[in-house]
Structure formats: C-alpha cells, structure tokens
Amino acid sequence: MNAQGKELTDWERAFQHIKAGGSTSIGCALEAMRKKRLIVDQIIIVTDEGENATP
C-alpha cells in the first residue's frame, strides 16, 4: 500500500478502506515477538485508534 504523497491526509486516504474487526491489540503481536526473542530496529503501528481490548 502506498500513499500518493507525504502528508497525513495522503496516508489516511491510502488506508481508508482498512477497518478493524474488533478486539485489535498490538500487545499480542509484541508478546509473540518477545517470546521468539525477535529483535527489530523499528516498529510501525497503523491504527484506527479504535483499540478496545488489552493484550
């Protein structure tokens, strides 16, 4: 997926059709990475700000 520009509105437009299915939680993915001892330089999180569950 690519935004057609560098502004926040360009990214919002690029992701406009992606919708959360409920109970989205980044903690689950981070815990899986921790258990696998996966080391990364950077994590990028794209959110609709609708998270409603704890990990």
Protein backbone atom coordinates (compact mmCIF):
# COMPACT_ATOMS: atom_id res chain seq x y z
CA MET A 1 0.00 0.00 0.00
CA ASN A 2 1.45 3.37 -0.98
CA ALA A 3 0.29 6.85 -0.16
CA GLN A 4 0.23 9.29 -3.05
CA GLY A 5 2.14 11.94 -1.12
CA LYS A 6 3.81 12.58 2.20
CA GLU A 7 1.11 14.32 4.20
CA LEU A 8 -1.01 12.68 6.90
CA THR A 9 -4.12 13.12 4.76
CA ASP A 10 -2.42 11.15 1.96
CA TRP A 11 -1.89 8.20 4.33
CA GLU A 12 -5.42 8.49 5.72
CA ARG A 13 -6.74 8.26 2.16
CA ALA A 14 -4.48 5.25 1.39
CA PHE A 15 -5.77 3.35 4.44
CA GLN A 16 -9.40 4.48 4.33
CA HIS A 17 -10.72 1.04 3.34
CA ILE A 18 -8.92 -0.87 6.11
CA LYS A 19 -11.22 -1.44 9.06
CA ALA A 20 -10.55 -3.11 12.40
CA GLY A 21 -12.53 -6.27 13.03
CA GLY A 22 -12.76 -5.82 16.79
CA SER A 23 -10.54 -6.51 19.78
CA THR A 24 -7.45 -5.26 17.98
CA SER A 25 -4.46 -5.21 20.32
CA ILE A 26 -0.81 -4.54 19.45
CA GLY A 27 0.22 -6.20 22.71
CA CYS A 28 -0.46 -9.67 21.28
CA ALA A 29 1.98 -9.16 18.42
CA LEU A 30 4.60 -7.64 20.72
CA GLU A 31 4.29 -10.54 23.15
CA ALA A 32 4.75 -13.05 20.31
CA MET A 33 7.88 -11.18 19.21
CA ARG A 34 9.19 -11.17 22.78
CA LYS A 35 8.64 -14.91 23.19
CA LYS A 36 10.51 -15.58 19.94
CA ARG A 37 13.28 -13.22 21.11
CA LEU A 38 12.82 -11.32 17.86
CA ILE A 39 14.88 -8.13 17.79
CA VAL A 40 13.88 -5.36 15.42
CA ASP A 41 15.13 -1.84 14.77
CA GLN A 42 11.73 -0.29 14.32
CA ILE A 43 8.02 -1.00 14.76
CA ILE A 44 5.44 0.93 12.79
CA ILE A 45 1.87 0.79 14.01
CA VAL A 46 -1.03 1.86 11.83
CA THR A 47 -4.21 2.26 13.85
CA ASP A 48 -7.76 3.46 13.53
CA GLU A 49 -7.48 4.38 17.23
CA GLY A 50 -10.37 2.03 17.96
CA GLU A 51 -8.50 -0.49 20.13
CA ASN A 52 -10.78 -1.65 22.85
CA ALA A 53 -9.06 -4.67 24.39
CA THR A 54 -5.95 -5.24 26.46
CA PRO A 55 -3.35 -7.80 25.36
